[in-house]
Amino acid sequence: MPNTIYGHHIFPENRIAQHLKDIQGIKHLSRRAPLPGEPITITVTTSGPLPFDEIRCWYANDDLLPSSSPFHPSSFILHPSFTNWDQPSWAYVRTWTGEIPPQAEGVVLRYRIAGRVTGTESWIYADNQTQNPDEATDFAVYVGDPSAPEWTRNAILYHIYLDRFYPGDGRAWNPVTHVSDFHGGTLRGVIDKLDYLHNLGVNTLWLSPLFASPTHHGYDATDLCTVEPRFGTNADLKELIEQSHARGIRILLDFVPNHWSNQHPTFLAAQNDPDSPYRDWYIWRNWPDEYRLSST
């Protein structure tokens, strides 16, 4: 049975394969939440058979998209800072750094990064290695204070994986044969166990994704406004929140808005109609059946 916590990365050879993938070409990868009024350091690595003689970052604020023109005023060159020998790849990895000027609080900063192949006018974009500016990876960060709220200092947190926690008083677990089967946990089951959780000293519940989804884990939603019927109803969620708050227990939702299921109505519309207004929401390698998956 595959490891269900760490996935394929439980095996050393798969971790090495991921490492090699992460350093090949021009990669940005890391993100951070910049503080208002502070310069934003951008870090890039390059490795592999193609040498680069210039790394450049283009940026824009809020709803604007960064222009990839080398003459765009909001761009700057990153400079080599150090070079390391990487044992797994048996190659050198060069690190480049540069700074975006300080930004005001609340700004959404969008940027692209590309490297010019030495001796050519060919630019390759991080992280997807495309040479087409229209397909470049768009990075974005929100400028704000990422400090944790004060209440978290005293939080005693209990994570609830909804499908596996408790089906509810008087309800039986589903018969299952596979780890991906629906076991039958519900929001009503959590409500029924609130006194038990409170007596444990818990003051914060972290719920796994609970919106409509075709899978047991819920990280591929089809509707971000409706509770998955296997778990209950929107009214059950409201009751859980109210009863938890009455006991001094906070509720954290594992809310995942940056990707969803290939069964989402907008995706199905884009897949079935070449003129759908949702078609540009997705990146197609070969419409309608080949598309870019989330990296999660």
C-alpha atoms as a PDB file:
ATOM      1  CA  MET A   1       0.000   0.000   0.000  1.00  0.00           C
ATOM      2  CA  PRO A   2       1.429   3.470  -0.853  1.00  0.00           C
ATOM      3  CA  ASN A   3       2.244   5.721   2.081  1.00  0.00           C
ATOM      4  CA  THR A   4      -0.795   7.971   2.543  1.00  0.00           C
ATOM      5  CA  ILE A   5       0.909  10.708   4.567  1.00  0.00           C
ATOM      6  CA  TYR A   6       4.099  11.465   2.666  1.00  0.00           C
ATOM      7  CA  GLY A   7       3.090   9.908  -0.647  1.00  0.00           C
ATOM      8  CA  HIS A   8       5.853   8.903  -3.042  1.00  0.00           C
ATOM      9  CA  HIS A   9       8.353  11.093  -1.182  1.00  0.00           C
ATOM     10  CA  ILE A  10       8.609   8.422   1.489  1.00  0.00           C
ATOM     11  CA  PHE A  11      11.095   6.747  -0.880  1.00  0.00           C
ATOM     12  CA  PRO A  12      14.606   8.303  -1.107  1.00  0.00           C
ATOM     13  CA  GLU A  13      14.811   7.840  -4.873  1.00  0.00           C
ATOM     14  CA  ASN A  14      11.628   9.865  -5.323  1.00  0.00           C
ATOM     15  CA  ARG A  15      12.908  12.652  -3.111  1.00  0.00           C
ATOM     16  CA  ILE A  16      16.084  12.799  -5.186  1.00  0.00           C
ATOM     17  CA  ALA A  17      14.041  12.841  -8.400  1.00  0.00           C
ATOM     18  CA  GLN A  18      12.012  15.778  -7.061  1.00  0.00           C
ATOM     19  CA  HIS A  19      15.207  17.592  -6.045  1.00  0.00           C
ATOM     20  CA  LEU A  20      16.685  17.152  -9.516  1.00  0.00           C
ATOM     21  CA  LYS A  21      13.488  18.443 -11.091  1.00  0.00           C
ATOM     22  CA  ASP A  22      13.463  21.470  -8.772  1.00  0.00           C
ATOM     23  CA  ILE A  23      16.954  22.668  -9.717  1.00  0.00           C
ATOM     24  CA  GLN A  24      16.988  22.037 -13.469  1.00  0.00           C
ATOM     25  CA  GLY A  25      16.777  25.133 -15.646  1.00  0.00           C
ATOM     26  CA  ILE A  26      15.784  28.457 -14.124  1.00  0.00           C
ATOM     27  CA  LYS A  27      13.762  28.181 -10.927  1.00  0.00           C
ATOM     28  CA  HIS A  28      12.265  30.641  -8.475  1.00  0.00           C
ATOM     29  CA  LEU A  29      10.106  28.243  -6.420  1.00  0.00           C
ATOM     30  CA  SER A  30      10.251  29.998  -3.050  1.00  0.00           C
ATOM     31  CA  ARG A  31       7.702  32.623  -2.073  1.00  0.00           C
ATOM     32  CA  ARG A  32       7.372  34.823   0.983  1.00  0.00           C
ATOM     33  CA  ALA A  33       4.985  37.436   2.336  1.00  0.00           C
ATOM     34  CA  PRO A  34       6.898  40.752   2.187  1.00  0.00           C
ATOM     35  CA  LEU A  35       6.475  43.415   4.831  1.00  0.00           C
ATOM     36  CA  PRO A  36       5.237  46.885   3.846  1.00  0.00           C
ATOM     37  CA  GLY A  37       8.036  49.371   3.222  1.00  0.00           C
ATOM     38  CA  GLU A  38      10.780  46.745   2.950  1.00  0.00           C
ATOM     39  CA  PRO A  39      12.685  45.778  -0.211  1.00  0.00           C
ATOM     40  CA  ILE A  40      11.575  42.412  -1.544  1.00  0.00           C
ATOM     41  CA  THR A  41      14.444  40.052  -2.265  1.00  0.00           C
ATOM     42  CA  ILE A  42      13.928  37.786  -5.267  1.00  0.00           C
ATOM     43  CA  THR A  43      16.014  34.613  -5.448  1.00  0.00           C
ATOM     44  CA  VAL A  44      16.525  32.412  -8.495  1.00  0.00           C
ATOM     45  CA  THR A  45      18.661  29.342  -9.166  1.00  0.00           C
ATOM     46  CA  THR A  46      20.005  28.110 -12.484  1.00  0.00           C
ATOM     47  CA  SER A  47      21.499  24.735 -13.308  1.00  0.00           C
ATOM     48  CA  GLY A  48      21.670  22.250 -16.141  1.00  0.00           C
ATOM     49  CA  PRO A  49      23.082  22.305 -19.661  1.00  0.00           C
ATOM     50  CA  LEU A  50      21.978  25.854 -20.614  1.00  0.00           C
ATOM     51  CA  PRO A  51      24.111  28.759 -19.314  1.00  0.00           C
ATOM     52  CA  PHE A  52      22.490  32.140 -18.630  1.00  0.00           C
ATOM     53  CA  ASP A  53      24.192  35.526 -18.906  1.00  0.00           C
ATOM     54  CA  GLU A  54      21.289  37.625 -17.605  1.00  0.00           C
ATOM     55  CA  ILE A  55      18.382  37.032 -15.228  1.00  0.00           C
ATOM     56  CA  ARG A  56      15.656  39.652 -15.211  1.00  0.00           C
ATOM     57  CA  CYS A  57      12.486  40.250 -13.201  1.00  0.00           C
ATOM     58  CA  TRP A  58       9.472  42.234 -14.454  1.00  0.00           C
ATOM     59  CA  TYR A  59       6.876  43.390 -11.933  1.00  0.00           C
ATOM     60  CA  ALA A  60       3.628  45.319 -11.592  1.00  0.00           C
ATOM     61  CA  ASN A  61       1.142  46.176  -8.849  1.00  0.00           C
ATOM     62  CA  ASP A  62      -2.408  45.070  -8.181  1.00  0.00           C
ATOM     63  CA  ASP A  63      -4.464  44.206 -11.284  1.00  0.00           C
ATOM     64  CA  LEU A  64      -1.751  44.956 -13.844  1.00  0.00           C
ATOM     65  CA  LEU A  65       0.243  42.165 -15.453  1.00  0.00           C
ATOM     66  CA  PRO A  66       4.013  42.583 -15.697  1.00  0.00           C
ATOM     67  CA  SER A  67       5.297  43.285 -19.195  1.00  0.00           C
ATOM     68  CA  SER A  68       8.083  40.987 -20.350  1.00  0.00           C
ATOM     69  CA  SER A  69       9.702  43.668 -22.490  1.00  0.00           C
ATOM     70  CA  PRO A  70      13.363  44.212 -21.503  1.00  0.00           C
ATOM     71  CA  PHE A  71      12.664  47.943 -21.765  1.00  0.00           C
ATOM     72  CA  HIS A  72       9.729  47.901 -19.367  1.00  0.00           C
ATOM     73  CA  PRO A  73      10.464  50.488 -16.634  1.00  0.00           C
ATOM     74  CA  SER A  74       9.424  48.139 -13.810  1.00  0.00           C
ATOM     75  CA  SER A  75      12.127  45.546 -14.300  1.00  0.00           C
ATOM     76  CA  PHE A  76      15.571  44.861 -12.914  1.00  0.00           C
ATOM     77  CA  ILE A  77      18.501  42.524 -13.343  1.00  0.00           C
ATOM     78  CA  LEU A  78      19.341  39.854 -10.769  1.00  0.00           C
ATOM     79  CA  HIS A  79      23.025  39.337 -10.056  1.00  0.00           C
ATOM     80  CA  PRO A  80      24.917  36.128  -9.235  1.00  0.00           C
ATOM     81  CA  SER A  81      25.429  35.863  -5.482  1.00  0.00           C
ATOM     82  CA  PHE A  82      27.062  32.439  -5.072  1.00  0.00           C
ATOM     83  CA  THR A  83      27.528  29.036  -6.699  1.00  0.00           C
ATOM     84  CA  ASN A  84      27.200  25.668  -4.987  1.00  0.00           C
ATOM     85  CA  TRP A  85      28.170  22.170  -6.029  1.00  0.00           C
ATOM     86  CA  ASP A  86      25.071  19.972  -5.887  1.00  0.00           C
ATOM     87  CA  GLN A  87      26.019  16.387  -5.149  1.00  0.00           C
ATOM     88  CA  PRO A  88      22.797  14.616  -6.265  1.00  0.00           C
ATOM     89  CA  SER A  89      22.828  16.276  -9.695  1.00  0.00           C
ATOM     90  CA  TRP A  90      26.613  16.273  -9.942  1.00  0.00           C
ATOM     91  CA  ALA A  91      26.483  19.845 -11.209  1.00  0.00           C
ATOM     92  CA  TYR A  92      26.913  23.437 -10.094  1.00  0.00           C
ATOM     93  CA  VAL A  93      23.856  25.457  -9.054  1.00  0.00           C
ATOM     94  CA  ARG A  94      24.151  29.232  -9.319  1.00  0.00           C
ATOM     95  CA  THR A  95      22.014  31.507  -7.136  1.00  0.00           C
ATOM     96  CA  TRP A  96      20.981  34.955  -8.351  1.00  0.00           C
ATOM     97  CA  THR A  97      19.366  37.692  -6.249  1.00  0.00           C
ATOM     98  CA  GLY A  98      17.792  41.087  -6.793  1.00  0.00           C
ATOM     99  CA  GLU A  99      15.348  43.439  -5.102  1.00  0.00           C
ATOM    100  CA  ILE A 100      11.919  44.820  -5.901  1.00  0.00           C
ATOM    101  CA  PRO A 101      11.545  48.292  -4.332  1.00  0.00           C
ATOM    102  CA  PRO A 102       9.463  48.596  -1.145  1.00  0.00           C
ATOM    103  CA  GLN A 103       5.700  48.425  -1.631  1.00  0.00           C
ATOM    104  CA  ALA A 104       2.799  49.777   0.383  1.00  0.00           C
ATOM    105  CA  GLU A 105       0.669  47.569   2.610  1.00  0.00           C
ATOM    106  CA  GLY A 106      -2.170  45.865   0.807  1.00  0.00           C
ATOM    107  CA  VAL A 107      -0.494  45.832  -2.588  1.00  0.00           C
ATOM    108  CA  VAL A 108      -0.713  42.648  -4.651  1.00  0.00           C
ATOM    109  CA  LEU A 109       2.642  42.388  -6.388  1.00  0.00           C
ATOM    110  CA  ARG A 110       2.793  40.382  -9.619  1.00  0.00           C
ATOM    111  CA  TYR A 111       6.030  39.459 -11.348  1.00  0.00           C
ATOM    112  CA  ARG A 112       7.730  37.258 -13.927  1.00  0.00           C
ATOM    113  CA  ILE A 113      11.303  36.037 -14.112  1.00  0.00           C
ATOM    114  CA  ALA A 114      13.323  34.969 -17.146  1.00  0.00           C
ATOM    115  CA  GLY A 115      16.908  34.132 -18.030  1.00  0.00           C
ATOM    116  CA  ARG A 116      18.695  34.912 -21.294  1.00  0.00           C
ATOM    117  CA  VAL A 117      20.615  31.968 -22.708  1.00  0.00           C
ATOM    118  CA  THR A 118      24.275  32.964 -23.052  1.00  0.00           C
ATOM    119  CA  GLY A 119      25.188  34.260 -26.489  1.00  0.00           C
ATOM    120  CA  THR A 120      21.589  34.377 -27.743  1.00  0.00           C
ATOM    121  CA  GLU A 121      18.455  36.489 -27.539  1.00  0.00           C
ATOM    122  CA  SER A 122      16.457  33.487 -26.273  1.00  0.00           C
ATOM    123  CA  TRP A 123      14.725  34.033 -22.911  1.00  0.00           C
ATOM    124  CA  ILE A 124      13.513  31.155 -20.753  1.00  0.00           C
ATOM    125  CA  TYR A 125      10.945  31.807 -18.031  1.00  0.00           C
ATOM    126  CA  ALA A 126      10.930  30.433 -14.494  1.00  0.00           C
ATOM    127  CA  ASP A 127       9.509  27.991 -13.356  1.00  0.00           C
ATOM    128  CA  ASN A 128       7.895  26.281 -16.333  1.00  0.00           C
ATOM    129  CA  GLN A 129      10.857  26.858 -18.703  1.00  0.00           C
ATOM    130  CA  THR A 130       8.714  28.241 -21.516  1.00  0.00           C
ATOM    131  CA  GLN A 131      10.151  30.620 -24.109  1.00  0.00           C
ATOM    132  CA  ASN A 132       6.736  32.142 -24.816  1.00  0.00           C
ATOM    133  CA  PRO A 133       5.996  35.263 -22.702  1.00  0.00           C
ATOM    134  CA  ASP A 134       2.270  34.532 -22.946  1.00  0.00           C
ATOM    135  CA  GLU A 135       2.845  31.222 -21.156  1.00  0.00           C
ATOM    136  CA  ALA A 136       5.259  32.539 -18.519  1.00  0.00           C
ATOM    137  CA  THR A 137       4.685  31.601 -14.893  1.00  0.00           C
ATOM    138  CA  ASP A 138       3.067  34.570 -13.146  1.00  0.00           C
ATOM    139  CA  PHE A 139       4.134  34.956  -9.531  1.00  0.00           C
ATOM    140  CA  ALA A 140       2.186  37.032  -7.024  1.00  0.00           C
ATOM    141  CA  VAL A 141       2.572  38.020  -3.383  1.00  0.00           C
ATOM    142  CA  TYR A 142       0.457  40.102  -1.031  1.00  0.00           C
ATOM    143  CA  VAL A 143       2.318  42.836   0.818  1.00  0.00           C
ATOM    144  CA  GLY A 144       1.264  42.813   4.451  1.00  0.00           C
ATOM    145  CA  ASP A 145       2.146  41.819   7.986  1.00  0.00           C
ATOM    146  CA  PRO A 146       2.142  37.993   8.179  1.00  0.00           C
ATOM    147  CA  SER A 147       2.326  37.932  11.971  1.00  0.00           C
ATOM    148  CA  ALA A 148       0.084  35.326  13.555  1.00  0.00           C
ATOM    149  CA  PRO A 149      -2.885  36.672  15.536  1.00  0.00           C
ATOM    150  CA  GLU A 150      -2.409  36.842  19.284  1.00  0.00           C
ATOM    151  CA  TRP A 151      -4.949  34.096  20.057  1.00  0.00           C
ATOM    152  CA  THR A 152      -2.759  31.505  18.325  1.00  0.00           C
ATOM    153  CA  ARG A 153      -0.202  31.722  21.140  1.00  0.00           C
ATOM    154  CA  ASN A 154      -2.593  29.895  23.446  1.00  0.00           C
ATOM    155  CA  ALA A 155      -4.327  27.730  20.855  1.00  0.00           C
ATOM    156  CA  ILE A 156      -4.749  24.032  21.654  1.00  0.00           C
ATOM    157  CA  LEU A 157      -5.521  22.714  18.208  1.00  0.00           C
ATOM    158  CA  TYR A 158      -7.206  19.463  17.231  1.00  0.00           C
ATOM    159  CA  HIS A 159      -7.263  18.488  13.562  1.00  0.00           C
ATOM    160  CA  ILE A 160     -10.368  16.700  12.315  1.00  0.00           C
ATOM    161  CA  TYR A 161     -10.234  14.746   9.085  1.00  0.00           C
ATOM    162  CA  LEU A 162     -13.958  14.821   8.506  1.00  0.00           C
ATOM    163  CA  ASP A 163     -14.394  11.609   6.544  1.00  0.00           C
ATOM    164  CA  ARG A 164     -12.557   9.625   9.239  1.00  0.00           C
ATOM    165  CA  PHE A 165     -13.508  11.331  12.529  1.00  0.00           C
ATOM    166  CA  TYR A 166     -17.004  10.162  13.521  1.00  0.00           C
ATOM    167  CA  PRO A 167     -20.206   9.426  11.562  1.00  0.00           C
ATOM    168  CA  GLY A 168     -22.480  10.647  14.368  1.00  0.00           C
ATOM    169  CA  ASP A 169     -24.462   9.092  17.202  1.00  0.00           C
ATOM    170  CA  GLY A 170     -26.544   6.168  15.980  1.00  0.00           C
ATOM    171  CA  ARG A 171     -24.796   6.055  12.604  1.00  0.00           C
ATOM    172  CA  ALA A 172     -22.500   3.280  11.422  1.00  0.00           C
ATOM    173  CA  TRP A 173     -19.260   3.613   9.516  1.00  0.00           C
ATOM    174  CA  ASN A 174     -19.433   2.727   5.823  1.00  0.00           C
ATOM    175  CA  PRO A 175     -18.000  -0.653   4.801  1.00  0.00           C
ATOM    176  CA  VAL A 176     -14.707   0.071   3.036  1.00  0.00           C
ATOM    177  CA  THR A 177     -11.996  -1.864   1.230  1.00  0.00           C
ATOM    178  CA  HIS A 178      -9.614   0.911   0.171  1.00  0.00           C
ATOM    179  CA  VAL A 179      -7.988   3.953   1.760  1.00  0.00           C
ATOM    180  CA  SER A 180      -9.731   6.178  -0.817  1.00  0.00           C
ATOM    181  CA  ASP A 181     -13.216   4.917   0.013  1.00  0.00           C
ATOM    182  CA  PHE A 182     -15.701   7.155   1.821  1.00  0.00           C
ATOM    183  CA  HIS A 183     -15.643   6.070   5.467  1.00  0.00           C
ATOM    184  CA  GLY A 184     -18.638   8.125   6.537  1.00  0.00           C
ATOM    185  CA  GLY A 185     -17.545  10.863   8.922  1.00  0.00           C
ATOM    186  CA  THR A 186     -19.898  13.851   9.111  1.00  0.00           C
ATOM    187  CA  LEU A 187     -20.271  17.342  10.542  1.00  0.00           C
ATOM    188  CA  ARG A 188     -22.992  15.929  12.782  1.00  0.00           C
ATOM    189  CA  GLY A 189     -20.384  13.554  14.136  1.00  0.00           C
ATOM    190  CA  VAL A 190     -18.197  16.512  15.104  1.00  0.00           C
ATOM    191  CA  ILE A 191     -21.148  18.261  16.773  1.00  0.00           C
ATOM    192  CA  ASP A 192     -21.869  15.096  18.767  1.00  0.00           C
ATOM    193  CA  LYS A 193     -18.260  15.050  20.021  1.00  0.00           C
ATOM    194  CA  LEU A 194     -17.932  18.720  20.978  1.00  0.00           C
ATOM    195  CA  ASP A 195     -18.254  18.060  24.708  1.00  0.00           C
ATOM    196  CA  TYR A 196     -15.602  15.344  24.458  1.00  0.00           C
ATOM    197  CA  LEU A 197     -13.262  17.706  22.603  1.00  0.00           C
ATOM    198  CA  HIS A 198     -13.944  20.533  25.050  1.00  0.00           C
ATOM    199  CA  ASN A 199     -13.162  18.251  27.987  1.00  0.00           C
ATOM    200  CA  LEU A 200      -9.817  17.427  26.357  1.00  0.00           C
ATOM    201  CA  GLY A 201      -8.952  21.114  26.656  1.00  0.00           C
ATOM    202  CA  VAL A 202      -9.200  21.800  22.926  1.00  0.00           C
ATOM    203  CA  ASN A 203      -9.960  25.423  22.039  1.00  0.00           C
ATOM    204  CA  THR A 204      -9.411  25.299  18.260  1.00  0.00           C
ATOM    205  CA  LEU A 205     -10.721  22.814  15.700  1.00  0.00           C
ATOM    206  CA  TRP A 206      -9.069  22.580  12.294  1.00  0.00           C
ATOM    207  CA  LEU A 207     -11.469  20.940   9.856  1.00  0.00           C
ATOM    208  CA  SER A 208     -10.291  19.255   6.665  1.00  0.00           C
ATOM    209  CA  PRO A 209     -11.853  20.599   3.424  1.00  0.00           C
ATOM    210  CA  LEU A 210     -15.616  20.229   3.668  1.00  0.00           C
ATOM    211  CA  PHE A 211     -16.991  21.721   0.451  1.00  0.00           C
ATOM    212  CA  ALA A 212     -18.527  19.679  -2.371  1.00  0.00           C
ATOM    213  CA  SER A 213     -15.904  17.355  -3.833  1.00  0.00           C
ATOM    214  CA  PRO A 214     -15.699  13.943  -5.531  1.00  0.00           C
ATOM    215  CA  THR A 215     -12.957  12.666  -3.185  1.00  0.00           C
ATOM    216  CA  HIS A 216     -12.669  11.708   0.477  1.00  0.00           C
ATOM    217  CA  HIS A 217     -10.020  14.365   1.169  1.00  0.00           C
ATOM    218  CA  GLY A 218     -11.887  17.291  -0.399  1.00  0.00           C
ATOM    219  CA  TYR A 219      -8.898  19.153  -1.823  1.00  0.00           C
ATOM    220  CA  ASP A 220     -10.545  19.179  -5.276  1.00  0.00           C
ATOM    221  CA  ALA A 221     -13.763  21.128  -4.747  1.00  0.00           C
ATOM    222  CA  THR A 222     -16.587  21.410  -7.235  1.00  0.00           C
ATOM    223  CA  ASP A 223     -18.455  24.110  -5.280  1.00  0.00           C
ATOM    224  CA  LEU A 224     -16.800  26.404  -2.724  1.00  0.00           C
ATOM    225  CA  CYS A 225     -20.135  27.629  -1.376  1.00  0.00           C
ATOM    226  CA  THR A 226     -21.823  24.326  -0.547  1.00  0.00           C
ATOM    227  CA  VAL A 227     -20.928  21.680   2.034  1.00  0.00           C
ATOM    228  CA  GLU A 228     -20.272  18.233   0.559  1.00  0.00           C
ATOM    229  CA  PRO A 229     -23.580  16.336   1.090  1.00  0.00           C
ATOM    230  CA  ARG A 230     -21.716  13.321   2.518  1.00  0.00           C
ATOM    231  CA  PHE A 231     -20.640  15.566   5.384  1.00  0.00           C
ATOM    232  CA  GLY A 232     -23.971  17.284   5.893  1.00  0.00           C
ATOM    233  CA  THR A 233     -25.446  20.649   4.995  1.00  0.00           C
ATOM    234  CA  ASN A 234     -24.589  24.335   5.220  1.00  0.00           C
ATOM    235  CA  ALA A 235     -26.969  24.467   8.186  1.00  0.00           C
ATOM    236  CA  ASP A 236     -24.914  21.728   9.908  1.00  0.00           C
ATOM    237  CA  LEU A 237     -21.773  23.786   9.422  1.00  0.00           C
ATOM    238  CA  LYS A 238     -23.471  26.860  10.881  1.00  0.00           C
ATOM    239  CA  GLU A 239     -24.669  24.817  13.868  1.00  0.00           C
ATOM    240  CA  LEU A 240     -21.172  23.412  14.410  1.00  0.00           C
ATOM    241  CA  ILE A 241     -19.703  26.907  14.429  1.00  0.00           C
ATOM    242  CA  GLU A 242     -22.339  28.234  16.818  1.00  0.00           C
ATOM    243  CA  GLN A 243     -22.066  25.313  19.245  1.00  0.00           C
ATOM    244  CA  SER A 244     -18.267  25.444  19.138  1.00  0.00           C
ATOM    245  CA  HIS A 245     -18.208  29.158  19.873  1.00  0.00           C
ATOM    246  CA  ALA A 246     -20.580  28.581  22.793  1.00  0.00           C
ATOM    247  CA  ARG A 247     -17.852  26.341  24.272  1.00  0.00           C
ATOM    248  CA  GLY A 248     -15.052  28.815  23.533  1.00  0.00           C
ATOM    249  CA  ILE A 249     -13.773  26.743  20.597  1.00  0.00           C
ATOM    250  CA  ARG A 250     -12.628  28.399  17.383  1.00  0.00           C
ATOM    251  CA  ILE A 251     -13.154  26.804  13.971  1.00  0.00           C
ATOM    252  CA  LEU A 252     -10.465  26.828  11.274  1.00  0.00           C
ATOM    253  CA  LEU A 253     -11.498  25.810   7.761  1.00  0.00           C
ATOM    254  CA  ASP A 254      -8.971  24.193   5.442  1.00  0.00           C
ATOM    255  CA  PHE A 255     -10.154  26.400   2.577  1.00  0.00           C
ATOM    256  CA  VAL A 256      -8.421  25.771  -0.762  1.00  0.00           C
ATOM    257  CA  PRO A 257      -9.335  28.450  -3.349  1.00  0.00           C
ATOM    258  CA  ASN A 258      -6.307  28.194  -5.646  1.00  0.00           C
ATOM    259  CA  HIS A 259      -7.276  24.925  -7.357  1.00  0.00           C
ATOM    260  CA  TRP A 260     -10.284  22.660  -7.712  1.00  0.00           C
ATOM    261  CA  SER A 261     -11.617  19.499  -9.301  1.00  0.00           C
ATOM    262  CA  ASN A 262     -11.683  18.681 -12.991  1.00  0.00           C
ATOM    263  CA  GLN A 263     -15.368  18.059 -12.268  1.00  0.00           C
ATOM    264  CA  HIS A 264     -15.896  21.739 -11.409  1.00  0.00           C
ATOM    265  CA  PRO A 265     -18.731  23.199 -13.559  1.00  0.00           C
ATOM    266  CA  THR A 266     -16.489  25.898 -15.047  1.00  0.00           C
ATOM    267  CA  PHE A 267     -13.894  23.333 -16.116  1.00  0.00           C
ATOM    268  CA  LEU A 268     -16.498  21.058 -17.649  1.00  0.00           C
ATOM    269  CA  ALA A 269     -17.921  24.023 -19.544  1.00  0.00           C
ATOM    270  CA  ALA A 270     -14.459  24.997 -20.787  1.00  0.00           C
ATOM    271  CA  GLN A 271     -13.744  21.411 -21.791  1.00  0.00           C
ATOM    272  CA  ASN A 272     -16.977  20.967 -23.713  1.00  0.00           C
ATOM    273  CA  ASP A 273     -17.257  24.334 -25.447  1.00  0.00           C
ATOM    274  CA  PRO A 274     -14.313  25.993 -27.260  1.00  0.00           C
ATOM    275  CA  ASP A 275     -16.135  29.339 -26.978  1.00  0.00           C
ATOM    276  CA  SER A 276     -16.799  29.026 -23.246  1.00  0.00           C
ATOM    277  CA  PRO A 277     -15.955  32.186 -21.256  1.00  0.00           C
ATOM    278  CA  TYR A 278     -14.166  29.872 -18.812  1.00  0.00           C
ATOM    279  CA  ARG A 279     -11.728  28.401 -21.327  1.00  0.00           C
ATOM    280  CA  ASP A 280      -9.025  30.971 -20.503  1.00  0.00           C
ATOM    281  CA  TRP A 281      -9.300  30.095 -16.824  1.00  0.00           C
ATOM    282  CA  TYR A 282      -7.261  26.959 -17.548  1.00  0.00           C
ATOM    283  CA  ILE A 283      -3.968  26.170 -19.232  1.00  0.00           C
ATOM    284  CA  TRP A 284      -4.424  23.701 -22.076  1.00  0.00           C
ATOM    285  CA  ARG A 285      -1.590  21.702 -23.553  1.00  0.00           C
ATOM    286  CA  ASN A 286      -3.959  20.239 -26.120  1.00  0.00           C
ATOM    287  CA  TRP A 287      -7.636  21.184 -25.698  1.00  0.00           C
ATOM    288  CA  PRO A 288      -9.869  19.528 -24.563  1.00  0.00           C
ATOM    289  CA  ASP A 289      -8.185  16.577 -22.845  1.00  0.00           C
ATOM    290  CA  GLU A 290      -4.622  17.692 -22.070  1.00  0.00           C
ATOM    291  CA  TYR A 291      -4.305  20.429 -19.485  1.00  0.00           C
ATOM    292  CA  ARG A 292      -1.888  21.551 -16.816  1.00  0.00           C
ATOM    293  CA  LEU A 293      -2.535  20.015 -13.436  1.00  0.00           C
ATOM    294  CA  SER A 294      -2.008  21.711 -10.085  1.00  0.00           C
ATOM    295  CA  SER A 295       1.415  21.112  -8.537  1.00  0.00           C
ATOM    296  CA  THR A 296      -0.074  20.229  -5.164  1.00  0.00           C
END
